[in-house]
């Protein structure tokens, strides 16, 4: 299984977590994720996630003037997004614990 396949399932939650910290635009979000360790993440990966989350009402986007040039679409988390993020954190913790249990079980034998 490739790293890309594993990341596919968790990247949406990481995008939501990042947006929950501060309003951001797509390019900055990609940079934030890369800084966090997701070096392979690109706009081609992140922008479809943003579109999907916005369509579902999990985030909202507003076009604003940028001091560096053209307008940018800034994203912020909605109340529904906060609920979704909380659910993701709970589900991630359960999956993470299960994976740790499997690997720790293998080490103790």
PDB file of N, CA and C in Angstrom:
ATOM      1  N   UNK A   1       0.851  -1.179   0.000  1.00  0.00           N
ATOM      2  CA  UNK A   1       0.000   0.000   0.000  1.00  0.00           C
ATOM      3  C   UNK A   1       0.895   1.239   0.000  1.00  0.00           C
ATOM      4  N   UNK A   2       0.572   2.191  -0.841  1.00  0.00           N
ATOM      5  CA  UNK A   2       1.389   3.396  -0.943  1.00  0.00           C
ATOM      6  C   UNK A   2       0.978   4.430   0.104  1.00  0.00           C
ATOM      7  N   UNK A   3       1.904   5.332   0.356  1.00  0.00           N
ATOM      8  CA  UNK A   3       1.642   6.426   1.296  1.00  0.00           C
ATOM      9  C   UNK A   3       0.450   7.259   0.820  1.00  0.00           C
ATOM     10  N   UNK A   4       0.341   7.433  -0.501  1.00  0.00           N
ATOM     11  CA  UNK A   4      -0.758   8.206  -1.078  1.00  0.00           C
ATOM     12  C   UNK A   4      -2.103   7.601  -0.728  1.00  0.00           C
ATOM     13  N   UNK A   5      -2.203   6.275  -0.784  1.00  0.00           N
ATOM     14  CA  UNK A   5      -3.461   5.602  -0.454  1.00  0.00           C
ATOM     15  C   UNK A   5      -3.822   5.811   1.011  1.00  0.00           C
ATOM     16  N   UNK A   6      -2.836   5.754   1.868  1.00  0.00           N
ATOM     17  CA  UNK A   6      -3.079   5.950   3.299  1.00  0.00           C
ATOM     18  C   UNK A   6      -3.506   7.396   3.569  1.00  0.00           C
ATOM     19  N   UNK A   7      -2.828   8.344   2.938  1.00  0.00           N
ATOM     20  CA  UNK A   7      -3.120   9.761   3.154  1.00  0.00           C
ATOM     21  C   UNK A   7      -4.494  10.173   2.671  1.00  0.00           C
ATOM     22  N   UNK A   8      -4.966   9.520   1.627  1.00  0.00           N
ATOM     23  CA  UNK A   8      -6.249   9.886   1.028  1.00  0.00           C
ATOM     24  C   UNK A   8      -7.357   9.962   2.082  1.00  0.00           C
ATOM     25  N   UNK A   9      -7.369   9.035   2.992  1.00  0.00           N
ATOM     26  CA  UNK A   9      -8.420   8.975   3.996  1.00  0.00           C
ATOM     27  C   UNK A   9      -8.295   9.986   5.116  1.00  0.00           C
ATOM     28  N   UNK A  10      -7.083  10.494   5.355  1.00  0.00           N
ATOM     29  CA  UNK A  10      -6.910  11.399   6.494  1.00  0.00           C
ATOM     30  C   UNK A  10      -6.682  12.855   6.102  1.00  0.00           C
ATOM     31  N   UNK A  11      -6.393  13.095   4.846  1.00  0.00           N
ATOM     32  CA  UNK A  11      -6.070  14.456   4.421  1.00  0.00           C
ATOM     33  C   UNK A  11      -7.234  15.425   4.613  1.00  0.00           C
ATOM     34  N   UNK A  12      -8.447  14.959   4.388  1.00  0.00           N
ATOM     35  CA  UNK A  12      -9.624  15.815   4.569  1.00  0.00           C
ATOM     36  C   UNK A  12      -9.694  16.330   6.007  1.00  0.00           C
ATOM     37  N   UNK A  13      -9.456  15.454   6.963  1.00  0.00           N
ATOM     38  CA  UNK A  13      -9.456  15.858   8.367  1.00  0.00           C
ATOM     39  C   UNK A  13      -8.341  16.838   8.681  1.00  0.00           C
ATOM     40  N   UNK A  14      -7.183  16.635   8.066  1.00  0.00           N
ATOM     41  CA  UNK A  14      -6.057  17.543   8.279  1.00  0.00           C
ATOM     42  C   UNK A  14      -6.327  18.915   7.665  1.00  0.00           C
ATOM     43  N   UNK A  15      -6.987  18.935   6.521  1.00  0.00           N
ATOM     44  CA  UNK A  15      -7.386  20.199   5.899  1.00  0.00           C
ATOM     45  C   UNK A  15      -8.346  20.938   6.829  1.00  0.00           C
ATOM     46  N   UNK A  16      -9.331  20.230   7.352  1.00  0.00           N
ATOM     47  CA  UNK A  16     -10.303  20.852   8.264  1.00  0.00           C
ATOM     48  C   UNK A  16      -9.622  21.394   9.519  1.00  0.00           C
ATOM     49  N   UNK A  17      -8.727  20.618  10.091  1.00  0.00           N
ATOM     50  CA  UNK A  17      -8.020  21.051  11.298  1.00  0.00           C
ATOM     51  C   UNK A  17      -7.230  22.324  11.027  1.00  0.00           C
ATOM     52  N   UNK A  18      -6.554  22.368   9.894  1.00  0.00           N
ATOM     53  CA  UNK A  18      -5.759  23.542   9.546  1.00  0.00           C
ATOM     54  C   UNK A  18      -6.649  24.768   9.366  1.00  0.00           C
ATOM     55  N   UNK A  19      -7.768  24.602   8.671  1.00  0.00           N
ATOM     56  CA  UNK A  19      -8.690  25.722   8.456  1.00  0.00           C
ATOM     57  C   UNK A  19      -9.318  26.166   9.775  1.00  0.00           C
ATOM     58  N   UNK A  20      -9.523  25.228  10.706  1.00  0.00           N
ATOM     59  CA  UNK A  20     -10.140  25.593  11.989  1.00  0.00           C
ATOM     60  C   UNK A  20      -9.234  26.510  12.809  1.00  0.00           C
ATOM     61  N   UNK A  21      -7.933  26.460  12.559  1.00  0.00           N
ATOM     62  CA  UNK A  21      -6.984  27.297  13.305  1.00  0.00           C
ATOM     63  C   UNK A  21      -7.007  28.746  12.834  1.00  0.00           C
ATOM     64  N   UNK A  22      -7.197  28.934  11.521  1.00  0.00           N
ATOM     65  CA  UNK A  22      -7.211  30.286  10.964  1.00  0.00           C
ATOM     66  C   UNK A  22      -7.782  30.268   9.555  1.00  0.00           C
ATOM     67  N   UNK A  23      -8.438  31.353   9.204  1.00  0.00           N
ATOM     68  CA  UNK A  23      -8.944  31.504   7.840  1.00  0.00           C
ATOM     69  C   UNK A  23      -7.747  31.442   6.886  1.00  0.00           C
ATOM     70  N   UNK A  24      -7.894  30.719   5.785  1.00  0.00           N
ATOM     71  CA  UNK A  24      -6.765  30.556   4.875  1.00  0.00           C
ATOM     72  C   UNK A  24      -7.238  30.378   3.446  1.00  0.00           C
ATOM     73  N   UNK A  25      -6.325  30.514   2.525  1.00  0.00           N
ATOM     74  CA  UNK A  25      -6.610  30.300   1.102  1.00  0.00           C
ATOM     75  C   UNK A  25      -5.836  29.068   0.631  1.00  0.00           C
ATOM     76  N   UNK A  26      -6.194  28.571  -0.534  1.00  0.00           N
ATOM     77  CA  UNK A  26      -5.680  27.291  -1.006  1.00  0.00           C
ATOM     78  C   UNK A  26      -4.175  27.149  -1.003  1.00  0.00           C
ATOM     79  N   UNK A  27      -3.469  28.112  -1.594  1.00  0.00           N
ATOM     80  CA  UNK A  27      -2.011  28.008  -1.680  1.00  0.00           C
ATOM     81  C   UNK A  27      -1.388  27.978  -0.287  1.00  0.00           C
ATOM     82  N   UNK A  28      -1.866  28.838   0.610  1.00  0.00           N
ATOM     83  CA  UNK A  28      -1.331  28.857   1.973  1.00  0.00           C
ATOM     84  C   UNK A  28      -1.623  27.541   2.689  1.00  0.00           C
ATOM     85  N   UNK A  29      -2.775  26.975   2.440  1.00  0.00           N
ATOM     86  CA  UNK A  29      -3.138  25.690   3.035  1.00  0.00           C
ATOM     87  C   UNK A  29      -2.168  24.601   2.588  1.00  0.00           C
ATOM     88  N   UNK A  30      -1.855  24.575   1.300  1.00  0.00           N
ATOM     89  CA  UNK A  30      -0.881  23.607   0.782  1.00  0.00           C
ATOM     90  C   UNK A  30       0.454  23.798   1.496  1.00  0.00           C
ATOM     91  N   UNK A  31       0.892  25.043   1.642  1.00  0.00           N
ATOM     92  CA  UNK A  31       2.162  25.322   2.319  1.00  0.00           C
ATOM     93  C   UNK A  31       2.116  24.873   3.785  1.00  0.00           C
ATOM     94  N   UNK A  32       1.013  25.133   4.462  1.00  0.00           N
ATOM     95  CA  UNK A  32       0.866  24.714   5.865  1.00  0.00           C
ATOM     96  C   UNK A  32       0.946  23.197   5.995  1.00  0.00           C
ATOM     97  N   UNK A  33       0.288  22.484   5.084  1.00  0.00           N
ATOM     98  CA  UNK A  33       0.311  21.021   5.122  1.00  0.00           C
ATOM     99  C   UNK A  33       1.711  20.492   4.830  1.00  0.00           C
ATOM    100  N   UNK A  34       2.400  21.104   3.891  1.00  0.00           N
ATOM    101  CA  UNK A  34       3.783  20.695   3.592  1.00  0.00           C
ATOM    102  C   UNK A  34       4.674  20.922   4.806  1.00  0.00           C
ATOM    103  N   UNK A  35       4.517  22.067   5.459  1.00  0.00           N
ATOM    104  CA  UNK A  35       5.300  22.378   6.651  1.00  0.00           C
ATOM    105  C   UNK A  35       5.039  21.354   7.753  1.00  0.00           C
ATOM    106  N   UNK A  36       3.809  20.846   7.813  1.00  0.00           N
ATOM    107  CA  UNK A  36       3.430  19.853   8.825  1.00  0.00           C
ATOM    108  C   UNK A  36       3.960  18.457   8.494  1.00  0.00           C
ATOM    109  N   UNK A  37       4.534  18.286   7.301  1.00  0.00           N
ATOM    110  CA  UNK A  37       5.112  16.988   6.956  1.00  0.00           C
ATOM    111  C   UNK A  37       4.500  16.310   5.750  1.00  0.00           C
ATOM    112  N   UNK A  38       3.486  16.900   5.168  1.00  0.00           N
ATOM    113  CA  UNK A  38       2.851  16.336   3.976  1.00  0.00           C
ATOM    114  C   UNK A  38       3.532  16.915   2.729  1.00  0.00           C
ATOM    115  N   UNK A  39       4.799  16.547   2.528  1.00  0.00           N
ATOM    116  CA  UNK A  39       5.600  17.140   1.456  1.00  0.00           C
ATOM    117  C   UNK A  39       5.027  16.912   0.063  1.00  0.00           C
ATOM    118  N   UNK A  40       4.348  15.791  -0.151  1.00  0.00           N
ATOM    119  CA  UNK A  40       3.844  15.451  -1.484  1.00  0.00           C
ATOM    120  C   UNK A  40       2.517  16.126  -1.825  1.00  0.00           C
ATOM    121  N   UNK A  41       1.906  16.800  -0.881  1.00  0.00           N
ATOM    122  CA  UNK A  41       0.599  17.416  -1.109  1.00  0.00           C
ATOM    123  C   UNK A  41       0.746  18.567  -2.101  1.00  0.00           C
ATOM    124  N   UNK A  42      -0.191  18.622  -3.048  1.00  0.00           N
ATOM    125  CA  UNK A  42      -0.172  19.678  -4.058  1.00  0.00           C
ATOM    126  C   UNK A  42      -1.546  20.340  -4.141  1.00  0.00           C
ATOM    127  N   UNK A  43      -1.598  21.420  -4.887  1.00  0.00           N
ATOM    128  CA  UNK A  43      -2.873  22.086  -5.117  1.00  0.00           C
ATOM    129  C   UNK A  43      -3.866  21.166  -5.797  1.00  0.00           C
ATOM    130  N   UNK A  44      -3.362  20.292  -6.663  1.00  0.00           N
ATOM    131  CA  UNK A  44      -4.228  19.343  -7.357  1.00  0.00           C
ATOM    132  C   UNK A  44      -4.897  18.358  -6.419  1.00  0.00           C
ATOM    133  N   UNK A  45      -4.335  18.191  -5.241  1.00  0.00           N
ATOM    134  CA  UNK A  45      -4.931  17.333  -4.217  1.00  0.00           C
ATOM    135  C   UNK A  45      -5.858  18.143  -3.316  1.00  0.00           C
ATOM    136  N   UNK A  46      -5.413  19.314  -2.922  1.00  0.00           N
ATOM    137  CA  UNK A  46      -6.122  20.114  -1.923  1.00  0.00           C
ATOM    138  C   UNK A  46      -7.355  20.822  -2.487  1.00  0.00           C
ATOM    139  N   UNK A  47      -7.253  21.383  -3.683  1.00  0.00           N
ATOM    140  CA  UNK A  47      -8.384  22.158  -4.218  1.00  0.00           C
ATOM    141  C   UNK A  47      -9.662  21.331  -4.382  1.00  0.00           C
ATOM    142  N   UNK A  48      -9.597  20.087  -4.867  1.00  0.00           N
ATOM    143  CA  UNK A  48     -10.829  19.286  -4.914  1.00  0.00           C
ATOM    144  C   UNK A  48     -11.424  19.020  -3.524  1.00  0.00           C
ATOM    145  N   UNK A  49     -10.561  18.869  -2.523  1.00  0.00           N
ATOM    146  CA  UNK A  49     -11.047  18.684  -1.149  1.00  0.00           C
ATOM    147  C   UNK A  49     -11.775  19.945  -0.691  1.00  0.00           C
ATOM    148  N   UNK A  50     -11.194  21.104  -0.968  1.00  0.00           N
ATOM    149  CA  UNK A  50     -11.833  22.369  -0.594  1.00  0.00           C
ATOM    150  C   UNK A  50     -13.191  22.518  -1.270  1.00  0.00           C
ATOM    151  N   UNK A  51     -13.257  22.189  -2.549  1.00  0.00           N
ATOM    152  CA  UNK A  51     -14.529  22.281  -3.278  1.00  0.00           C
ATOM    153  C   UNK A  51     -15.576  21.355  -2.673  1.00  0.00           C
ATOM    154  N   UNK A  52     -15.165  20.137  -2.355  1.00  0.00           N
ATOM    155  CA  UNK A  52     -16.083  19.153  -1.774  1.00  0.00           C
ATOM    156  C   UNK A  52     -16.598  19.628  -0.411  1.00  0.00           C
ATOM    157  N   UNK A  53     -15.682  20.102   0.438  1.00  0.00           N
ATOM    158  CA  UNK A  53     -16.068  20.563   1.772  1.00  0.00           C
ATOM    159  C   UNK A  53     -16.968  21.796   1.702  1.00  0.00           C
ATOM    160  N   UNK A  54     -16.688  22.682   0.762  1.00  0.00           N
ATOM    161  CA  UNK A  54     -17.523  23.876   0.612  1.00  0.00           C
ATOM    162  C   UNK A  54     -18.914  23.494   0.108  1.00  0.00           C
ATOM    163  N   UNK A  55     -18.974  22.583  -0.830  1.00  0.00           N
ATOM    164  CA  UNK A  55     -20.264  22.141  -1.375  1.00  0.00           C
ATOM    165  C   UNK A  55     -21.138  21.510  -0.289  1.00  0.00           C
ATOM    166  N   UNK A  56     -20.508  20.804   0.651  1.00  0.00           N
ATOM    167  CA  UNK A  56     -21.239  20.162   1.747  1.00  0.00           C
ATOM    168  C   UNK A  56     -21.570  21.132   2.884  1.00  0.00           C
ATOM    169  N   UNK A  57     -21.062  22.362   2.820  1.00  0.00           N
ATOM    170  CA  UNK A  57     -21.321  23.338   3.877  1.00  0.00           C
ATOM    171  C   UNK A  57     -20.429  23.172   5.092  1.00  0.00           C
ATOM    172  N   UNK A  58     -19.348  22.427   4.942  1.00  0.00           N
ATOM    173  CA  UNK A  58     -18.426  22.165   6.051  1.00  0.00           C
ATOM    174  C   UNK A  58     -17.441  23.323   6.219  1.00  0.00           C
ATOM    175  N   UNK A  59     -17.129  23.977   5.111  1.00  0.00           N
ATOM    176  CA  UNK A  59     -16.334  25.196   5.126  1.00  0.00           C
ATOM    177  C   UNK A  59     -17.055  26.226   4.257  1.00  0.00           C
ATOM    178  N   UNK A  60     -16.709  27.482   4.449  1.00  0.00           N
ATOM    179  CA  UNK A  60     -17.252  28.518   3.567  1.00  0.00           C
ATOM    180  C   UNK A  60     -16.087  29.296   2.972  1.00  0.00           C
ATOM    181  N   UNK A  61     -16.275  29.735   1.740  1.00  0.00           N
ATOM    182  CA  UNK A  61     -15.235  30.478   1.051  1.00  0.00           C
ATOM    183  C   UNK A  61     -15.714  31.858   0.652  1.00  0.00           C
ATOM    184  N   UNK A  62     -14.832  32.843   0.838  1.00  0.00           N
ATOM    185  CA  UNK A  62     -15.140  34.225   0.494  1.00  0.00           C
ATOM    186  C   UNK A  62     -13.957  34.803  -0.278  1.00  0.00           C
ATOM    187  N   UNK A  63     -14.233  35.408  -1.434  1.00  0.00           N
ATOM    188  CA  UNK A  63     -13.180  36.059  -2.215  1.00  0.00           C
ATOM    189  C   UNK A  63     -12.838  37.399  -1.569  1.00  0.00           C
ATOM    190  N   UNK A  64     -11.541  37.614  -1.344  1.00  0.00           N
ATOM    191  CA  UNK A  64     -11.074  38.864  -0.734  1.00  0.00           C
ATOM    192  C   UNK A  64      -9.874  39.378  -1.516  1.00  0.00           C
ATOM    193  N   UNK A  65      -9.686  40.687  -1.456  1.00  0.00           N
ATOM    194  CA  UNK A  65      -8.507  41.275  -2.073  1.00  0.00           C
ATOM    195  C   UNK A  65      -7.263  40.817  -1.334  1.00  0.00           C
ATOM    196  N   UNK A  66      -6.204  40.613  -2.079  1.00  0.00           N
ATOM    197  CA  UNK A  66      -4.936  40.208  -1.501  1.00  0.00           C
ATOM    198  C   UNK A  66      -3.948  41.362  -1.604  1.00  0.00           C
ATOM    199  N   UNK A  67      -3.172  41.602  -0.564  1.00  0.00           N
ATOM    200  CA  UNK A  67      -2.175  42.672  -0.638  1.00  0.00           C
ATOM    201  C   UNK A  67      -1.099  42.385  -1.695  1.00  0.00           C
ATOM    202  N   UNK A  68      -0.924  41.107  -2.044  1.00  0.00           N
ATOM    203  CA  UNK A  68       0.112  40.718  -3.004  1.00  0.00           C
ATOM    204  C   UNK A  68      -0.383  40.629  -4.439  1.00  0.00           C
ATOM    205  N   UNK A  69      -1.648  40.891  -4.702  1.00  0.00           N
ATOM    206  CA  UNK A  69      -2.106  40.767  -6.084  1.00  0.00           C
ATOM    207  C   UNK A  69      -3.595  40.538  -6.209  1.00  0.00           C
ATOM    208  N   UNK A  70      -3.979  39.557  -7.041  1.00  0.00           N
ATOM    209  CA  UNK A  70      -5.404  39.331  -7.324  1.00  0.00           C
ATOM    210  C   UNK A  70      -6.162  38.793  -6.108  1.00  0.00           C
ATOM    211  N   UNK A  71      -7.492  38.762  -6.245  1.00  0.00           N
ATOM    212  CA  UNK A  71      -8.340  38.229  -5.175  1.00  0.00           C
ATOM    213  C   UNK A  71      -7.984  36.778  -4.890  1.00  0.00           C
ATOM    214  N   UNK A  72      -8.177  36.402  -3.631  1.00  0.00           N
ATOM    215  CA  UNK A  72      -8.001  35.014  -3.204  1.00  0.00           C
ATOM    216  C   UNK A  72      -9.283  34.575  -2.515  1.00  0.00           C
ATOM    217  N   UNK A  73      -9.545  33.290  -2.600  1.00  0.00           N
ATOM    218  CA  UNK A  73     -10.706  32.746  -1.906  1.00  0.00           C
ATOM    219  C   UNK A  73     -10.229  32.229  -0.552  1.00  0.00           C
ATOM    220  N   UNK A  74     -10.706  32.870   0.507  1.00  0.00           N
ATOM    221  CA  UNK A  74     -10.342  32.488   1.865  1.00  0.00           C
ATOM    222  C   UNK A  74     -11.408  31.563   2.429  1.00  0.00           C
ATOM    223  N   UNK A  75     -10.951  30.511   3.089  1.00  0.00           N
ATOM    224  CA  UNK A  75     -11.852  29.506   3.637  1.00  0.00           C
ATOM    225  C   UNK A  75     -11.842  29.547   5.156  1.00  0.00           C
ATOM    226  N   UNK A  76     -13.030  29.344   5.728  1.00  0.00           N
ATOM    227  CA  UNK A  76     -13.167  29.220   7.180  1.00  0.00           C
ATOM    228  C   UNK A  76     -14.116  28.061   7.470  1.00  0.00           C
ATOM    229  N   UNK A  77     -14.001  27.539   8.666  1.00  0.00           N
ATOM    230  CA  UNK A  77     -14.815  26.385   9.052  1.00  0.00           C
ATOM    231  C   UNK A  77     -16.192  26.873   9.510  1.00  0.00           C
ATOM    232  N   UNK A  78     -17.219  26.109   9.212  1.00  0.00           N
ATOM    233  CA  UNK A  78     -18.590  26.435   9.626  1.00  0.00           C
ATOM    234  C   UNK A  78     -18.926  25.649  10.899  1.00  0.00           C
ATOM    235  N   UNK A  79     -20.102  25.893  11.448  1.00  0.00           N
ATOM    236  CA  UNK A  79     -20.556  25.130  12.618  1.00  0.00           C
ATOM    237  C   UNK A  79     -20.643  23.644  12.273  1.00  0.00           C
ATOM    238  N   UNK A  80     -21.160  23.333  11.087  1.00  0.00           N
ATOM    239  CA  UNK A  80     -21.203  21.937  10.640  1.00  0.00           C
ATOM    240  C   UNK A  80     -19.790  21.379  10.526  1.00  0.00           C
ATOM    241  N   UNK A  81     -18.871  22.207  10.059  1.00  0.00           N
ATOM    242  CA  UNK A  81     -17.479  21.787   9.947  1.00  0.00           C
ATOM    243  C   UNK A  81     -16.864  21.453  11.293  1.00  0.00           C
ATOM    244  N   UNK A  82     -17.216  22.224  12.317  1.00  0.00           N
ATOM    245  CA  UNK A  82     -16.715  21.942  13.675  1.00  0.00           C
ATOM    246  C   UNK A  82     -17.188  20.566  14.143  1.00  0.00           C
ATOM    247  N   UNK A  83     -18.441  20.244  13.851  1.00  0.00           N
ATOM    248  CA  UNK A  83     -18.986  18.926  14.207  1.00  0.00           C
ATOM    249  C   UNK A  83     -18.240  17.836  13.441  1.00  0.00           C
ATOM    250  N   UNK A  84     -18.060  18.047  12.143  1.00  0.00           N
ATOM    251  CA  UNK A  84     -17.350  17.069  11.311  1.00  0.00           C
ATOM    252  C   UNK A  84     -15.916  16.877  11.794  1.00  0.00           C
ATOM    253  N   UNK A  85     -15.252  17.970  12.151  1.00  0.00           N
ATOM    254  CA  UNK A  85     -13.877  17.887  12.636  1.00  0.00           C
ATOM    255  C   UNK A  85     -13.817  17.104  13.939  1.00  0.00           C
ATOM    256  N   UNK A  86     -14.747  17.358  14.835  1.00  0.00           N
ATOM    257  CA  UNK A  86     -14.787  16.618  16.092  1.00  0.00           C
ATOM    258  C   UNK A  86     -15.001  15.125  15.838  1.00  0.00           C
ATOM    259  N   UNK A  87     -15.909  14.799  14.919  1.00  0.00           N
ATOM    260  CA  UNK A  87     -16.140  13.391  14.563  1.00  0.00           C
ATOM    261  C   UNK A  87     -14.890  12.763  13.973  1.00  0.00           C
ATOM    262  N   UNK A  88     -14.201  13.503  13.113  1.00  0.00           N
ATOM    263  CA  UNK A  88     -12.963  12.991  12.520  1.00  0.00           C
ATOM    264  C   UNK A  88     -11.937  12.684  13.603  1.00  0.00           C
ATOM    265  N   UNK A  89     -11.777  13.589  14.560  1.00  0.00           N
ATOM    266  CA  UNK A  89     -10.794  13.392  15.632  1.00  0.00           C
ATOM    267  C   UNK A  89     -11.103  12.126  16.428  1.00  0.00           C
ATOM    268  N   UNK A  90     -12.373  11.899  16.724  1.00  0.00           N
ATOM    269  CA  UNK A  90     -12.776  10.698  17.466  1.00  0.00           C
ATOM    270  C   UNK A  90     -12.483   9.449  16.644  1.00  0.00           C
ATOM    271  N   UNK A  91     -12.890   9.468  15.373  1.00  0.00           N
ATOM    272  CA  UNK A  91     -12.667   8.308  14.505  1.00  0.00           C
ATOM    273  C   UNK A  91     -11.180   8.064  14.286  1.00  0.00           C
ATOM    274  N   UNK A  92     -10.406   9.134  14.107  1.00  0.00           N
ATOM    275  CA  UNK A  92      -8.965   8.988  13.912  1.00  0.00           C
ATOM    276  C   UNK A  92      -8.325   8.361  15.150  1.00  0.00           C
ATOM    277  N   UNK A  93      -8.728   8.794  16.328  1.00  0.00           N
ATOM    278  CA  UNK A  93      -8.163   8.240  17.562  1.00  0.00           C
ATOM    279  C   UNK A  93      -8.449   6.747  17.665  1.00  0.00           C
ATOM    280  N   UNK A  94      -9.666   6.344  17.305  1.00  0.00           N
ATOM    281  CA  UNK A  94     -10.026   4.921  17.346  1.00  0.00           C
ATOM    282  C   UNK A  94      -9.178   4.113  16.368  1.00  0.00           C
ATOM    283  N   UNK A  95      -9.047   4.604  15.147  1.00  0.00           N
ATOM    284  CA  UNK A  95      -8.243   3.902  14.135  1.00  0.00           C
ATOM    285  C   UNK A  95      -6.779   3.876  14.553  1.00  0.00           C
ATOM    286  N   UNK A  96      -6.276   5.003  15.009  1.00  0.00           N
ATOM    287  CA  UNK A  96      -4.883   5.096  15.430  1.00  0.00           C
ATOM    288  C   UNK A  96      -4.589   4.115  16.568  1.00  0.00           C
ATOM    289  N   UNK A  97      -5.483   4.040  17.540  1.00  0.00           N
ATOM    290  CA  UNK A  97      -5.301   3.100  18.650  1.00  0.00           C
ATOM    291  C   UNK A  97      -5.316   1.656  18.163  1.00  0.00           C
ATOM    292  N   UNK A  98      -6.208   1.341  17.239  1.00  0.00           N
ATOM    293  CA  UNK A  98      -6.280  -0.024  16.706  1.00  0.00           C
ATOM    294  C   UNK A  98      -4.999  -0.398  15.975  1.00  0.00           C
ATOM    295  N   UNK A  99      -4.480   0.516  15.178  1.00  0.00           N
ATOM    296  CA  UNK A  99      -3.229   0.251  14.449  1.00  0.00           C
ATOM    297  C   UNK A  99      -2.087   0.055  15.440  1.00  0.00           C
ATOM    298  N   UNK A 100      -2.015   0.904  16.452  1.00  0.00           N
ATOM    299  CA  UNK A 100      -0.975   0.754  17.476  1.00  0.00           C
ATOM    300  C   UNK A 100      -1.089  -0.603  18.164  1.00  0.00           C
ATOM    301  N   UNK A 101      -2.319  -1.019  18.476  1.00  0.00           N
ATOM    302  CA  UNK A 101      -2.521  -2.317  19.119  1.00  0.00           C
ATOM    303  C   UNK A 101      -2.015  -3.453  18.247  1.00  0.00           C
ATOM    304  N   UNK A 102      -2.292  -3.392  16.960  1.00  0.00           N
ATOM    305  CA  UNK A 102      -1.837  -4.440  16.041  1.00  0.00           C
ATOM    306  C   UNK A 102      -0.317  -4.489  16.014  1.00  0.00           C
ATOM    307  N   UNK A 103       0.329  -3.346  15.887  1.00  0.00           N
ATOM    308  CA  UNK A 103       1.782  -3.330  15.797  1.00  0.00           C
ATOM    309  C   UNK A 103       2.442  -3.649  17.131  1.00  0.00           C
ATOM    310  N   UNK A 104       1.884  -3.192  18.236  1.00  0.00           N
ATOM    311  CA  UNK A 104       2.442  -3.504  19.549  1.00  0.00           C
ATOM    312  C   UNK A 104       2.272  -4.974  19.882  1.00  0.00           C
ATOM    313  N   UNK A 105       1.169  -5.575  19.459  1.00  0.00           N
ATOM    314  CA  UNK A 105       0.930  -6.997  19.684  1.00  0.00           C
ATOM    315  C   UNK A 105       1.998  -7.816  18.976  1.00  0.00           C
ATOM    316  N   UNK A 106       2.348  -7.410  17.784  1.00  0.00           N
ATOM    317  CA  UNK A 106       3.365  -8.120  17.011  1.00  0.00           C
ATOM    318  C   UNK A 106       4.738  -8.031  17.643  1.00  0.00           C
ATOM    319  N   UNK A 107       5.037  -6.943  18.339  1.00  0.00           N
ATOM    320  CA  UNK A 107       6.344  -6.749  18.962  1.00  0.00           C
ATOM    321  C   UNK A 107       6.496  -7.566  20.236  1.00  0.00           C
ATOM    322  N   UNK A 108       5.404  -7.868  20.926  1.00  0.00           N
ATOM    323  CA  UNK A 108       5.499  -8.549  22.219  1.00  0.00           C
ATOM    324  C   UNK A 108       5.656 -10.051  22.091  1.00  0.00           C
ATOM    325  N   UNK A 109       5.509 -10.582  20.896  1.00  0.00           N
ATOM    326  CA  UNK A 109       5.614 -12.034  20.723  1.00  0.00           C
ATOM    327  C   UNK A 109       7.036 -12.487  20.571  1.00  0.00           C
TER     328      UNK A 109
END
